[in-house]
Amino acid sequence: MKYILKKFLFKRVRLFSFVIHTVLISYSLLTLLLGFFHNMVNANSLSKNLTGVEMVYGNVDKVSQGNILPIKKISKQQYFFNFTVHKVEDGENLSSIAAKYGVSEDTVKWANLDTIDQYNGRVNVGSSINIPEVDGVLYEVKKGDTLDTILTKTQGDRFRVIEINQLVYNNFQILEGQKLFIPGGRLHSPQSLLPVQNPYRKPTHVGVQILTESDKDLLNSIKFSNPLSNPDCTGYVVSRGFFPGHNGVDLSKFGGCPVRSVADGVVAYAGLGLYGEGFFIRIDHGKGINSVYFHGETLWVSTGQFVKTGQDIMYMGCTGYCTGTHLHFGIRYQGNYIDPFPYVPY
């Protein structure tokens, strides 16, 4: 009797154990299937609202990318990055201040465009300057700026800029006067104002150069390209043409855009002009032919550098004698300006 009872109980335990294990395994499988189905539904919903192409390549501050997050209103005074305000003391200079905070001299200069002399790096005792935590550009948003134009000017990385400035990714709202930090970004540092060798000689005969047929053949052989062929320049207008007293053509684009070299050549000068040109570039194409580009905001090439046709060389601006953002473009032949219209397809 005792043996029979023991055997019966053993079978019940095994049966109970089998049922428990079956229930647990079934529950685990059901949970996995429900989780997988839930993720598939979410992924499908997300793909309808956000496309990778828009996020990576498009003008993401201008396009709509779905209502994933509510639009977050910001103010010019909001900062999502850290910088120190340093008061310059007697005996300090740009080099010692930069070394103290472990950043480059350029980073300190770019963060204080209105405080530090951009040509010789002179700082005034008693002035307060901004010191970013890492190397980069502290940029103040200007009228007409978009995230794309700012990245072009500063050579910044889109996703690092979005992350460090906490830009909301369904509209990337930026405001005029707002400060953005561009980690690892760069601005072209202007060359010295001192005209040691007077690198730019103002032509004495503007627009009166008489070209022979051989001169015209030579100019046509260069095969110039459009200085505003960059896609960001789409929609530019010719605001003023060539005539005696105006030694080039004015090409305008609201907010500016990258300017390109019209032909292969060597940069004869890149820096500040002496006659109201602002920051400008002159490229020597050989055989007495030069192209000039006035009123740049940011220069991306330097004197002596070789450039190729269609290479971005500067960002259009309004420096020097200027009444609005534009490129003043000109062609010089044998030291005199000529009308670029017959030779350059702008």
C-alpha atoms as a PDB file:
ATOM      1  CA  MET A   1       0.000   0.000   0.000  1.00  0.00           C
ATOM      2  CA  LYS A   2       2.795   2.338   0.943  1.00  0.00           C
ATOM      3  CA  TYR A   3       4.578   1.530  -2.333  1.00  0.00           C
ATOM      4  CA  ILE A   4       1.489   2.225  -4.470  1.00  0.00           C
ATOM      5  CA  LEU A   5       0.853   5.579  -2.775  1.00  0.00           C
ATOM      6  CA  LYS A   6       4.470   6.662  -3.274  1.00  0.00           C
ATOM      7  CA  LYS A   7       4.401   5.784  -6.986  1.00  0.00           C
ATOM      8  CA  PHE A   8       1.126   7.666  -7.480  1.00  0.00           C
ATOM      9  CA  LEU A   9       2.462  10.817  -5.838  1.00  0.00           C
ATOM     10  CA  PHE A  10       5.663  10.681  -7.912  1.00  0.00           C
ATOM     11  CA  LYS A  11       3.654  10.593 -11.141  1.00  0.00           C
ATOM     12  CA  ARG A  12       1.543  13.555  -9.986  1.00  0.00           C
ATOM     13  CA  VAL A  13       4.688  15.591  -9.248  1.00  0.00           C
ATOM     14  CA  ARG A  14       6.101  14.848 -12.679  1.00  0.00           C
ATOM     15  CA  LEU A  15       2.810  15.778 -14.313  1.00  0.00           C
ATOM     16  CA  PHE A  16       2.632  19.022 -12.300  1.00  0.00           C
ATOM     17  CA  SER A  17       6.217  19.862 -13.198  1.00  0.00           C
ATOM     18  CA  PHE A  18       5.488  19.286 -16.894  1.00  0.00           C
ATOM     19  CA  VAL A  19       2.471  21.588 -16.794  1.00  0.00           C
ATOM     20  CA  ILE A  20       4.439  24.378 -15.045  1.00  0.00           C
ATOM     21  CA  HIS A  21       7.280  24.213 -17.555  1.00  0.00           C
ATOM     22  CA  THR A  22       4.844  24.232 -20.482  1.00  0.00           C
ATOM     23  CA  VAL A  23       3.093  27.338 -19.120  1.00  0.00           C
ATOM     24  CA  LEU A  24       6.380  29.189 -18.541  1.00  0.00           C
ATOM     25  CA  ILE A  25       7.728  28.386 -22.009  1.00  0.00           C
ATOM     26  CA  SER A  26       4.448  29.406 -23.656  1.00  0.00           C
ATOM     27  CA  TYR A  27       4.404  32.692 -21.736  1.00  0.00           C
ATOM     28  CA  SER A  28       7.994  33.482 -22.763  1.00  0.00           C
ATOM     29  CA  LEU A  29       7.299  32.794 -26.430  1.00  0.00           C
ATOM     30  CA  LEU A  30       4.133  34.899 -26.333  1.00  0.00           C
ATOM     31  CA  THR A  31       6.028  37.812 -24.739  1.00  0.00           C
ATOM     32  CA  LEU A  32       8.739  37.693 -27.419  1.00  0.00           C
ATOM     33  CA  LEU A  33       6.187  37.635 -30.229  1.00  0.00           C
ATOM     34  CA  LEU A  34       4.236  40.570 -28.761  1.00  0.00           C
ATOM     35  CA  GLY A  35       7.449  42.591 -28.324  1.00  0.00           C
ATOM     36  CA  PHE A  36       8.545  41.933 -31.892  1.00  0.00           C
ATOM     37  CA  PHE A  37       5.121  42.926 -33.247  1.00  0.00           C
ATOM     38  CA  HIS A  38       5.142  46.128 -31.144  1.00  0.00           C
ATOM     39  CA  ASN A  39       8.576  47.168 -32.501  1.00  0.00           C
ATOM     40  CA  MET A  40       7.498  46.503 -36.083  1.00  0.00           C
ATOM     41  CA  VAL A  41       4.443  48.744 -35.661  1.00  0.00           C
ATOM     42  CA  ASN A  42       6.555  51.563 -34.143  1.00  0.00           C
ATOM     43  CA  ALA A  43       9.202  51.323 -36.866  1.00  0.00           C
ATOM     44  CA  ASN A  44       6.541  51.481 -39.563  1.00  0.00           C
ATOM     45  CA  SER A  45       4.976  54.531 -37.931  1.00  0.00           C
ATOM     46  CA  LEU A  46       8.352  56.283 -37.587  1.00  0.00           C
ATOM     47  CA  SER A  47       9.281  55.664 -41.228  1.00  0.00           C
ATOM     48  CA  LYS A  48       6.136  57.478 -42.331  1.00  0.00           C
ATOM     49  CA  ASN A  49       7.183  60.601 -40.418  1.00  0.00           C
ATOM     50  CA  LEU A  50      10.940  60.782 -40.883  1.00  0.00           C
ATOM     51  CA  THR A  51      13.171  59.867 -43.800  1.00  0.00           C
ATOM     52  CA  GLY A  52      16.898  59.336 -43.518  1.00  0.00           C
ATOM     53  CA  VAL A  53      17.562  61.371 -46.663  1.00  0.00           C
ATOM     54  CA  GLU A  54      15.923  64.456 -45.167  1.00  0.00           C
ATOM     55  CA  MET A  55      17.769  64.049 -41.910  1.00  0.00           C
ATOM     56  CA  VAL A  56      21.227  63.642 -43.401  1.00  0.00           C
ATOM     57  CA  TYR A  57      21.338  65.509 -46.685  1.00  0.00           C
ATOM     58  CA  GLY A  58      18.488  67.967 -46.964  1.00  0.00           C
ATOM     59  CA  ASN A  59      18.098  71.537 -45.760  1.00  0.00           C
ATOM     60  CA  VAL A  60      16.875  70.033 -42.534  1.00  0.00           C
ATOM     61  CA  ASP A  61      16.225  73.379 -40.877  1.00  0.00           C
ATOM     62  CA  LYS A  62      13.756  74.252 -43.651  1.00  0.00           C
ATOM     63  CA  VAL A  63      11.874  71.017 -44.332  1.00  0.00           C
ATOM     64  CA  SER A  64       9.065  69.402 -42.390  1.00  0.00           C
ATOM     65  CA  GLN A  65      10.012  66.040 -40.945  1.00  0.00           C
ATOM     66  CA  GLY A  66       6.777  64.931 -39.330  1.00  0.00           C
ATOM     67  CA  ASN A  67       5.178  65.640 -35.981  1.00  0.00           C
ATOM     68  CA  ILE A  68       7.397  63.348 -33.930  1.00  0.00           C
ATOM     69  CA  LEU A  69       8.181  66.056 -31.382  1.00  0.00           C
ATOM     70  CA  PRO A  70       6.314  69.296 -30.711  1.00  0.00           C
ATOM     71  CA  ILE A  71       8.038  72.424 -31.981  1.00  0.00           C
ATOM     72  CA  LYS A  72      10.226  73.765 -29.196  1.00  0.00           C
ATOM     73  CA  LYS A  73      10.425  77.557 -29.033  1.00  0.00           C
ATOM     74  CA  ILE A  74      13.839  78.926 -28.136  1.00  0.00           C
ATOM     75  CA  SER A  75      15.260  82.331 -27.337  1.00  0.00           C
ATOM     76  CA  LYS A  76      18.511  83.996 -28.337  1.00  0.00           C
ATOM     77  CA  GLN A  77      19.731  83.853 -24.744  1.00  0.00           C
ATOM     78  CA  GLN A  78      19.540  80.055 -24.393  1.00  0.00           C
ATOM     79  CA  TYR A  79      22.896  78.256 -24.397  1.00  0.00           C
ATOM     80  CA  PHE A  80      23.295  74.480 -24.319  1.00  0.00           C
ATOM     81  CA  PHE A  81      27.099  74.514 -24.315  1.00  0.00           C
ATOM     82  CA  ASN A  82      29.570  75.783 -21.752  1.00  0.00           C
ATOM     83  CA  PHE A  83      31.998  78.659 -22.054  1.00  0.00           C
ATOM     84  CA  THR A  84      33.875  80.735 -19.509  1.00  0.00           C
ATOM     85  CA  VAL A  85      33.831  84.528 -19.362  1.00  0.00           C
ATOM     86  CA  HIS A  86      37.413  85.643 -18.715  1.00  0.00           C
ATOM     87  CA  LYS A  87      38.410  89.163 -17.686  1.00  0.00           C
ATOM     88  CA  VAL A  88      41.737  90.099 -19.242  1.00  0.00           C
ATOM     89  CA  GLU A  89      44.348  91.063 -16.651  1.00  0.00           C
ATOM     90  CA  ASP A  90      47.524  93.081 -16.997  1.00  0.00           C
ATOM     91  CA  GLY A  91      50.315  91.040 -18.582  1.00  0.00           C
ATOM     92  CA  GLU A  92      48.007  88.579 -20.331  1.00  0.00           C
ATOM     93  CA  ASN A  93      47.893  88.114 -24.104  1.00  0.00           C
ATOM     94  CA  LEU A  94      46.021  85.890 -26.538  1.00  0.00           C
ATOM     95  CA  SER A  95      48.606  83.122 -26.317  1.00  0.00           C
ATOM     96  CA  SER A  96      48.690  82.945 -22.514  1.00  0.00           C
ATOM     97  CA  ILE A  97      44.892  83.038 -22.221  1.00  0.00           C
ATOM     98  CA  ALA A  98      44.438  80.252 -24.774  1.00  0.00           C
ATOM     99  CA  ALA A  99      47.091  78.115 -23.022  1.00  0.00           C
ATOM    100  CA  LYS A 100      45.422  78.666 -19.649  1.00  0.00           C
ATOM    101  CA  TYR A 101      42.157  77.150 -20.872  1.00  0.00           C
ATOM    102  CA  GLY A 102      43.668  74.512 -23.151  1.00  0.00           C
ATOM    103  CA  VAL A 103      42.209  75.773 -26.437  1.00  0.00           C
ATOM    104  CA  SER A 104      43.735  77.229 -29.587  1.00  0.00           C
ATOM    105  CA  GLU A 105      44.341  80.944 -30.121  1.00  0.00           C
ATOM    106  CA  ASP A 106      42.023  80.857 -33.128  1.00  0.00           C
ATOM    107  CA  THR A 107      39.206  79.445 -30.976  1.00  0.00           C
ATOM    108  CA  VAL A 108      39.541  82.386 -28.584  1.00  0.00           C
ATOM    109  CA  LYS A 109      39.652  84.891 -31.467  1.00  0.00           C
ATOM    110  CA  TRP A 110      36.633  83.395 -33.229  1.00  0.00           C
ATOM    111  CA  ALA A 111      34.609  83.520 -30.021  1.00  0.00           C
ATOM    112  CA  ASN A 112      35.342  87.245 -29.621  1.00  0.00           C
ATOM    113  CA  LEU A 113      35.117  88.858 -33.062  1.00  0.00           C
ATOM    114  CA  ASP A 114      34.143  92.236 -31.582  1.00  0.00           C
ATOM    115  CA  THR A 115      36.613  92.175 -28.679  1.00  0.00           C
ATOM    116  CA  ILE A 116      39.878  90.733 -29.985  1.00  0.00           C
ATOM    117  CA  ASP A 117      41.740  92.239 -32.960  1.00  0.00           C
ATOM    118  CA  GLN A 118      41.391  89.553 -35.659  1.00  0.00           C
ATOM    119  CA  TYR A 119      44.580  90.657 -37.443  1.00  0.00           C
ATOM    120  CA  ASN A 120      47.184  90.739 -34.679  1.00  0.00           C
ATOM    121  CA  GLY A 121      45.308  89.043 -31.796  1.00  0.00           C
ATOM    122  CA  ARG A 122      45.607  92.061 -29.498  1.00  0.00           C
ATOM    123  CA  VAL A 123      43.437  91.902 -26.348  1.00  0.00           C
ATOM    124  CA  ASN A 124      42.599  94.871 -24.152  1.00  0.00           C
ATOM    125  CA  VAL A 125      43.209  94.741 -20.406  1.00  0.00           C
ATOM    126  CA  GLY A 126      39.924  94.779 -18.509  1.00  0.00           C
ATOM    127  CA  SER A 127      37.825  93.432 -21.373  1.00  0.00           C
ATOM    128  CA  SER A 128      35.676  90.315 -20.886  1.00  0.00           C
ATOM    129  CA  ILE A 129      36.071  87.545 -23.448  1.00  0.00           C
ATOM    130  CA  ASN A 130      34.306  84.217 -24.029  1.00  0.00           C
ATOM    131  CA  ILE A 131      36.368  81.025 -23.760  1.00  0.00           C
ATOM    132  CA  PRO A 132      34.735  77.822 -25.150  1.00  0.00           C
ATOM    133  CA  GLU A 133      35.517  74.485 -23.496  1.00  0.00           C
ATOM    134  CA  VAL A 134      36.891  72.939 -26.696  1.00  0.00           C
ATOM    135  CA  ASP A 135      38.276  74.149 -30.014  1.00  0.00           C
ATOM    136  CA  GLY A 136      35.748  75.461 -32.508  1.00  0.00           C
ATOM    137  CA  VAL A 137      33.787  78.537 -33.564  1.00  0.00           C
ATOM    138  CA  LEU A 138      31.335  80.475 -31.402  1.00  0.00           C
ATOM    139  CA  TYR A 139      29.026  81.766 -34.133  1.00  0.00           C
ATOM    140  CA  GLU A 140      26.299  84.414 -33.905  1.00  0.00           C
ATOM    141  CA  VAL A 141      23.395  83.732 -36.269  1.00  0.00           C
ATOM    142  CA  LYS A 142      22.890  86.492 -38.848  1.00  0.00           C
ATOM    143  CA  LYS A 143      19.843  87.463 -40.870  1.00  0.00           C
ATOM    144  CA  GLY A 144      19.317  84.979 -43.698  1.00  0.00           C
ATOM    145  CA  ASP A 145      21.423  82.248 -42.051  1.00  0.00           C
ATOM    146  CA  THR A 146      20.265  78.639 -42.131  1.00  0.00           C
ATOM    147  CA  LEU A 147      21.919  75.642 -40.543  1.00  0.00           C
ATOM    148  CA  ASP A 148      23.334  74.661 -43.937  1.00  0.00           C
ATOM    149  CA  THR A 149      24.881  78.076 -44.701  1.00  0.00           C
ATOM    150  CA  ILE A 150      26.428  78.227 -41.218  1.00  0.00           C
ATOM    151  CA  LEU A 151      27.967  74.774 -41.647  1.00  0.00           C
ATOM    152  CA  THR A 152      29.379  75.851 -45.014  1.00  0.00           C
ATOM    153  CA  LYS A 153      30.944  78.997 -43.554  1.00  0.00           C
ATOM    154  CA  THR A 154      32.442  77.237 -40.538  1.00  0.00           C
ATOM    155  CA  GLN A 155      33.238  73.798 -42.024  1.00  0.00           C
ATOM    156  CA  GLY A 156      31.305  72.231 -39.140  1.00  0.00           C
ATOM    157  CA  ASP A 157      29.881  68.733 -38.736  1.00  0.00           C
ATOM    158  CA  ARG A 158      26.059  68.713 -38.905  1.00  0.00           C
ATOM    159  CA  PHE A 159      25.336  66.115 -36.233  1.00  0.00           C
ATOM    160  CA  ARG A 160      27.887  67.454 -33.742  1.00  0.00           C
ATOM    161  CA  VAL A 161      26.411  70.951 -34.124  1.00  0.00           C
ATOM    162  CA  ILE A 162      22.852  69.641 -33.678  1.00  0.00           C
ATOM    163  CA  GLU A 163      23.873  67.647 -30.601  1.00  0.00           C
ATOM    164  CA  ILE A 164      25.937  70.249 -28.745  1.00  0.00           C
ATOM    165  CA  ASN A 165      23.410  73.030 -29.383  1.00  0.00           C
ATOM    166  CA  GLN A 166      20.423  70.735 -28.714  1.00  0.00           C
ATOM    167  CA  LEU A 167      18.605  71.755 -31.891  1.00  0.00           C
ATOM    168  CA  VAL A 168      15.186  70.106 -32.088  1.00  0.00           C
ATOM    169  CA  TYR A 169      15.273  67.779 -35.063  1.00  0.00           C
ATOM    170  CA  ASN A 170      11.799  68.381 -36.452  1.00  0.00           C
ATOM    171  CA  ASN A 171      12.558  71.989 -37.397  1.00  0.00           C
ATOM    172  CA  PHE A 172      16.123  72.913 -36.270  1.00  0.00           C
ATOM    173  CA  GLN A 173      14.935  76.389 -35.306  1.00  0.00           C
ATOM    174  CA  ILE A 174      17.634  79.073 -35.179  1.00  0.00           C
ATOM    175  CA  LEU A 175      17.132  82.786 -34.542  1.00  0.00           C
ATOM    176  CA  GLU A 176      18.963  85.894 -35.675  1.00  0.00           C
ATOM    177  CA  GLY A 177      21.360  86.890 -32.886  1.00  0.00           C
ATOM    178  CA  GLN A 178      21.435  83.403 -31.359  1.00  0.00           C
ATOM    179  CA  LYS A 179      24.871  81.987 -30.552  1.00  0.00           C
ATOM    180  CA  LEU A 180      25.787  78.506 -31.776  1.00  0.00           C
ATOM    181  CA  PHE A 181      28.970  76.612 -31.003  1.00  0.00           C
ATOM    182  CA  ILE A 182      30.549  74.746 -33.931  1.00  0.00           C
ATOM    183  CA  PRO A 183      32.914  72.131 -32.422  1.00  0.00           C
ATOM    184  CA  GLY A 184      35.982  71.654 -34.595  1.00  0.00           C
ATOM    185  CA  GLY A 185      34.809  74.436 -36.935  1.00  0.00           C
ATOM    186  CA  ARG A 186      37.059  76.999 -38.562  1.00  0.00           C
ATOM    187  CA  LEU A 187      36.915  80.532 -39.927  1.00  0.00           C
ATOM    188  CA  HIS A 188      39.526  81.949 -42.283  1.00  0.00           C
ATOM    189  CA  SER A 189      41.806  84.302 -40.373  1.00  0.00           C
ATOM    190  CA  PRO A 190      42.371  87.500 -42.377  1.00  0.00           C
ATOM    191  CA  GLN A 191      45.916  88.428 -43.315  1.00  0.00           C
ATOM    192  CA  SER A 192      47.731  91.439 -41.919  1.00  0.00           C
ATOM    193  CA  LEU A 193      46.483  94.888 -42.850  1.00  0.00           C
ATOM    194  CA  LEU A 194      50.027  96.175 -43.318  1.00  0.00           C
ATOM    195  CA  PRO A 195      50.567  96.803 -47.063  1.00  0.00           C
ATOM    196  CA  VAL A 196      54.222  95.786 -47.006  1.00  0.00           C
ATOM    197  CA  GLN A 197      54.388  95.016 -50.736  1.00  0.00           C
ATOM    198  CA  ASN A 198      50.994  96.507 -51.693  1.00  0.00           C
ATOM    199  CA  PRO A 199      49.754  93.162 -53.115  1.00  0.00           C
ATOM    200  CA  TYR A 200      46.868  94.792 -54.958  1.00  0.00           C
ATOM    201  CA  ARG A 201      47.493  97.550 -57.515  1.00  0.00           C
ATOM    202  CA  LYS A 202      44.414  99.469 -58.602  1.00  0.00           C
ATOM    203  CA  PRO A 203      44.331  99.535 -62.434  1.00  0.00           C
ATOM    204  CA  THR A 204      44.633 102.979 -63.980  1.00  0.00           C
ATOM    205  CA  HIS A 205      42.535 102.239 -67.086  1.00  0.00           C
ATOM    206  CA  VAL A 206      39.218 100.738 -66.044  1.00  0.00           C
ATOM    207  CA  GLY A 207      37.006  99.373 -68.802  1.00  0.00           C
ATOM    208  CA  VAL A 208      38.864 101.006 -71.697  1.00  0.00           C
ATOM    209  CA  GLN A 209      41.085  98.065 -72.645  1.00  0.00           C
ATOM    210  CA  ILE A 210      40.833  97.503 -76.396  1.00  0.00           C
ATOM    211  CA  LEU A 211      41.163  93.805 -77.174  1.00  0.00           C
ATOM    212  CA  THR A 212      42.614  92.462 -80.405  1.00  0.00           C
ATOM    213  CA  GLU A 213      41.297  89.308 -82.016  1.00  0.00           C
ATOM    214  CA  SER A 214      44.278  87.364 -80.638  1.00  0.00           C
ATOM    215  CA  ASP A 215      43.460  88.718 -77.140  1.00  0.00           C
ATOM    216  CA  LYS A 216      39.886  87.490 -77.486  1.00  0.00           C
ATOM    217  CA  ASP A 217      41.052  84.075 -78.706  1.00  0.00           C
ATOM    218  CA  LEU A 218      43.353  83.806 -75.696  1.00  0.00           C
ATOM    219  CA  LEU A 219      40.567  84.683 -73.258  1.00  0.00           C
ATOM    220  CA  ASN A 220      38.173  82.236 -74.906  1.00  0.00           C
ATOM    221  CA  SER A 221      40.784  79.475 -74.618  1.00  0.00           C
ATOM    222  CA  ILE A 222      40.586  79.588 -70.804  1.00  0.00           C
ATOM    223  CA  LYS A 223      37.064  78.050 -70.725  1.00  0.00           C
ATOM    224  CA  PHE A 224      35.915  79.954 -67.644  1.00  0.00           C
ATOM    225  CA  SER A 225      33.149  78.542 -65.425  1.00  0.00           C
ATOM    226  CA  ASN A 226      30.412  80.306 -63.463  1.00  0.00           C
ATOM    227  CA  PRO A 227      31.719  81.671 -60.111  1.00  0.00           C
ATOM    228  CA  LEU A 228      28.291  80.899 -58.595  1.00  0.00           C
ATOM    229  CA  SER A 229      27.919  77.347 -59.934  1.00  0.00           C
ATOM    230  CA  ASN A 230      27.603  75.921 -56.405  1.00  0.00           C
ATOM    231  CA  PRO A 231      24.044  74.518 -56.011  1.00  0.00           C
ATOM    232  CA  ASP A 232      23.580  76.690 -52.906  1.00  0.00           C
ATOM    233  CA  CYS A 233      23.756  79.742 -55.205  1.00  0.00           C
ATOM    234  CA  THR A 234      20.671  78.760 -57.180  1.00  0.00           C
ATOM    235  CA  GLY A 235      18.429  81.788 -57.627  1.00  0.00           C
ATOM    236  CA  TYR A 236      21.157  84.459 -57.606  1.00  0.00           C
ATOM    237  CA  VAL A 237      20.618  87.601 -59.670  1.00  0.00           C
ATOM    238  CA  VAL A 238      22.839  89.999 -61.611  1.00  0.00           C
ATOM    239  CA  SER A 239      22.283  93.205 -59.649  1.00  0.00           C
ATOM    240  CA  ARG A 240      24.729  95.410 -61.565  1.00  0.00           C
ATOM    241  CA  GLY A 241      26.706  95.006 -64.772  1.00  0.00           C
ATOM    242  CA  PHE A 242      30.040  96.168 -66.114  1.00  0.00           C
ATOM    243  CA  PHE A 243      30.489  99.783 -67.232  1.00  0.00           C
ATOM    244  CA  PRO A 244      33.167 102.504 -66.993  1.00  0.00           C
ATOM    245  CA  GLY A 245      33.507 103.248 -63.295  1.00  0.00           C
ATOM    246  CA  HIS A 246      32.242  99.792 -62.265  1.00  0.00           C
ATOM    247  CA  ASN A 247      34.997  97.343 -63.080  1.00  0.00           C
ATOM    248  CA  GLY A 248      33.053  94.103 -62.793  1.00  0.00           C
ATOM    249  CA  VAL A 249      29.624  92.554 -62.313  1.00  0.00           C
ATOM    250  CA  ASP A 250      27.650  92.247 -59.067  1.00  0.00           C
ATOM    251  CA  LEU A 251      26.006  88.866 -58.451  1.00  0.00           C
ATOM    252  CA  SER A 252      23.621  88.827 -55.480  1.00  0.00           C
ATOM    253  CA  LYS A 253      22.201  85.975 -53.432  1.00  0.00           C
ATOM    254  CA  PHE A 254      20.188  86.572 -50.240  1.00  0.00           C
ATOM    255  CA  GLY A 255      22.107  85.115 -47.304  1.00  0.00           C
ATOM    256  CA  GLY A 256      25.170  84.470 -49.455  1.00  0.00           C
ATOM    257  CA  CYS A 257      26.557  81.218 -50.861  1.00  0.00           C
ATOM    258  CA  PRO A 258      29.946  79.635 -51.677  1.00  0.00           C
ATOM    259  CA  VAL A 259      31.927  81.309 -54.477  1.00  0.00           C
ATOM    260  CA  ARG A 260      34.010  79.179 -56.826  1.00  0.00           C
ATOM    261  CA  SER A 261      37.165  79.724 -58.868  1.00  0.00           C
ATOM    262  CA  VAL A 262      36.309  80.282 -62.527  1.00  0.00           C
ATOM    263  CA  ALA A 263      39.481  78.552 -63.784  1.00  0.00           C
ATOM    264  CA  ASP A 264      42.662  76.808 -62.670  1.00  0.00           C
ATOM    265  CA  GLY A 265      45.283  79.126 -61.243  1.00  0.00           C
ATOM    266  CA  VAL A 266      47.381  80.306 -58.324  1.00  0.00           C
ATOM    267  CA  VAL A 267      45.983  82.569 -55.610  1.00  0.00           C
ATOM    268  CA  ALA A 268      47.943  85.799 -56.069  1.00  0.00           C
ATOM    269  CA  TYR A 269      46.323  87.370 -53.007  1.00  0.00           C
ATOM    270  CA  ALA A 270      43.728  86.455 -50.380  1.00  0.00           C
ATOM    271  CA  GLY A 271      43.006  88.948 -47.643  1.00  0.00           C
ATOM    272  CA  LEU A 272      41.769  92.473 -47.008  1.00  0.00           C
ATOM    273  CA  GLY A 273      41.748  94.950 -49.899  1.00  0.00           C
ATOM    274  CA  LEU A 274      42.964  98.538 -49.687  1.00  0.00           C
ATOM    275  CA  TYR A 275      40.283 100.196 -51.831  1.00  0.00           C
ATOM    276  CA  GLY A 276      36.968  99.015 -50.372  1.00  0.00           C
ATOM    277  CA  GLU A 277      37.063  95.474 -51.790  1.00  0.00           C
ATOM    278  CA  GLY A 278      36.652  93.984 -48.314  1.00  0.00           C
ATOM    279  CA  PHE A 279      38.046  90.477 -48.013  1.00  0.00           C
ATOM    280  CA  PHE A 280      38.853  89.438 -51.539  1.00  0.00           C
ATOM    281  CA  ILE A 281      40.756  86.934 -53.654  1.00  0.00           C
ATOM    282  CA  ARG A 282      42.749  87.435 -56.858  1.00  0.00           C
ATOM    283  CA  ILE A 283      43.651  84.357 -58.888  1.00  0.00           C
ATOM    284  CA  ASP A 284      46.388  84.401 -61.536  1.00  0.00           C
ATOM    285  CA  HIS A 285      45.453  82.165 -64.478  1.00  0.00           C
ATOM    286  CA  GLY A 286      48.638  82.904 -66.429  1.00  0.00           C
ATOM    287  CA  LYS A 287      49.228  84.857 -69.647  1.00  0.00           C
ATOM    288  CA  GLY A 288      48.266  88.114 -67.959  1.00  0.00           C
ATOM    289  CA  ILE A 289      44.745  86.927 -67.018  1.00  0.00           C
ATOM    290  CA  ASN A 290      43.446  87.341 -63.446  1.00  0.00           C
ATOM    291  CA  SER A 291      40.027  86.896 -61.857  1.00  0.00           C
ATOM    292  CA  VAL A 292      38.970  88.851 -58.737  1.00  0.00           C
ATOM    293  CA  TYR A 293      36.290  88.161 -56.142  1.00  0.00           C
ATOM    294  CA  PHE A 294      35.345  91.014 -53.750  1.00  0.00           C
ATOM    295  CA  HIS A 295      33.355  91.370 -50.481  1.00  0.00           C
ATOM    296  CA  GLY A 296      33.921  87.855 -49.114  1.00  0.00           C
ATOM    297  CA  GLU A 297      32.776  86.981 -45.620  1.00  0.00           C
ATOM    298  CA  THR A 298      34.963  83.903 -45.150  1.00  0.00           C
ATOM    299  CA  LEU A 299      38.026  83.013 -47.236  1.00  0.00           C
ATOM    300  CA  TRP A 300      38.927  79.341 -47.690  1.00  0.00           C
ATOM    301  CA  VAL A 301      42.190  79.695 -49.637  1.00  0.00           C
ATOM    302  CA  SER A 302      45.440  81.522 -48.993  1.00  0.00           C
ATOM    303  CA  THR A 303      48.063  83.357 -51.043  1.00  0.00           C
ATOM    304  CA  GLY A 304      50.240  81.006 -53.106  1.00  0.00           C
ATOM    305  CA  GLN A 305      47.746  78.143 -53.104  1.00  0.00           C
ATOM    306  CA  PHE A 306      46.880  76.380 -56.361  1.00  0.00           C
ATOM    307  CA  VAL A 307      43.121  76.139 -57.046  1.00  0.00           C
ATOM    308  CA  LYS A 308      41.098  74.177 -59.574  1.00  0.00           C
ATOM    309  CA  THR A 309      38.177  75.229 -61.729  1.00  0.00           C
ATOM    310  CA  GLY A 310      34.965  75.064 -59.691  1.00  0.00           C
ATOM    311  CA  GLN A 311      36.730  74.905 -56.320  1.00  0.00           C
ATOM    312  CA  ASP A 312      34.951  76.718 -53.473  1.00  0.00           C
ATOM    313  CA  ILE A 313      37.257  79.578 -52.464  1.00  0.00           C
ATOM    314  CA  MET A 314      35.191  81.882 -50.241  1.00  0.00           C
ATOM    315  CA  TYR A 315      31.738  82.625 -48.881  1.00  0.00           C
ATOM    316  CA  MET A 316      29.852  85.591 -50.332  1.00  0.00           C
ATOM    317  CA  GLY A 317      29.494  88.482 -47.884  1.00  0.00           C
ATOM    318  CA  CYS A 318      29.327  92.250 -47.566  1.00  0.00           C
ATOM    319  CA  THR A 319      32.749  93.393 -46.361  1.00  0.00           C
ATOM    320  CA  GLY A 320      34.415  96.598 -47.536  1.00  0.00           C
ATOM    321  CA  TYR A 321      32.364  99.188 -49.445  1.00  0.00           C
ATOM    322  CA  CYS A 322      29.150  97.237 -49.797  1.00  0.00           C
ATOM    323  CA  THR A 323      25.403  97.884 -49.561  1.00  0.00           C
ATOM    324  CA  GLY A 324      24.198  94.281 -49.527  1.00  0.00           C
ATOM    325  CA  THR A 325      25.444  90.692 -49.664  1.00  0.00           C
ATOM    326  CA  HIS A 326      26.872  90.034 -53.117  1.00  0.00           C
ATOM    327  CA  LEU A 327      29.903  88.968 -55.138  1.00  0.00           C
ATOM    328  CA  HIS A 328      31.686  91.623 -57.157  1.00  0.00           C
ATOM    329  CA  PHE A 329      33.396  89.589 -59.852  1.00  0.00           C
ATOM    330  CA  GLY A 330      35.921  90.903 -62.336  1.00  0.00           C
ATOM    331  CA  ILE A 331      38.453  89.847 -64.986  1.00  0.00           C
ATOM    332  CA  ARG A 332      41.786  91.651 -65.397  1.00  0.00           C
ATOM    333  CA  TYR A 333      43.815  91.303 -68.572  1.00  0.00           C
ATOM    334  CA  GLN A 334      47.326  92.763 -68.800  1.00  0.00           C
ATOM    335  CA  GLY A 335      46.600  94.839 -65.663  1.00  0.00           C
ATOM    336  CA  ASN A 336      43.290  96.326 -66.833  1.00  0.00           C
ATOM    337  CA  TYR A 337      39.713  95.296 -66.179  1.00  0.00           C
ATOM    338  CA  ILE A 338      37.639  94.025 -69.084  1.00  0.00           C
ATOM    339  CA  ASP A 339      33.966  93.156 -69.410  1.00  0.00           C
ATOM    340  CA  PRO A 340      33.687  89.498 -68.274  1.00  0.00           C
ATOM    341  CA  PHE A 341      30.343  88.920 -70.002  1.00  0.00           C
ATOM    342  CA  PRO A 342      31.692  87.563 -73.352  1.00  0.00           C
ATOM    343  CA  TYR A 343      33.983  85.061 -71.604  1.00  0.00           C
ATOM    344  CA  VAL A 344      32.487  84.011 -68.237  1.00  0.00           C
ATOM    345  CA  PRO A 345      29.103  82.205 -68.192  1.00  0.00           C
ATOM    346  CA  TYR A 346      27.571  83.860 -65.114  1.00  0.00           C
END
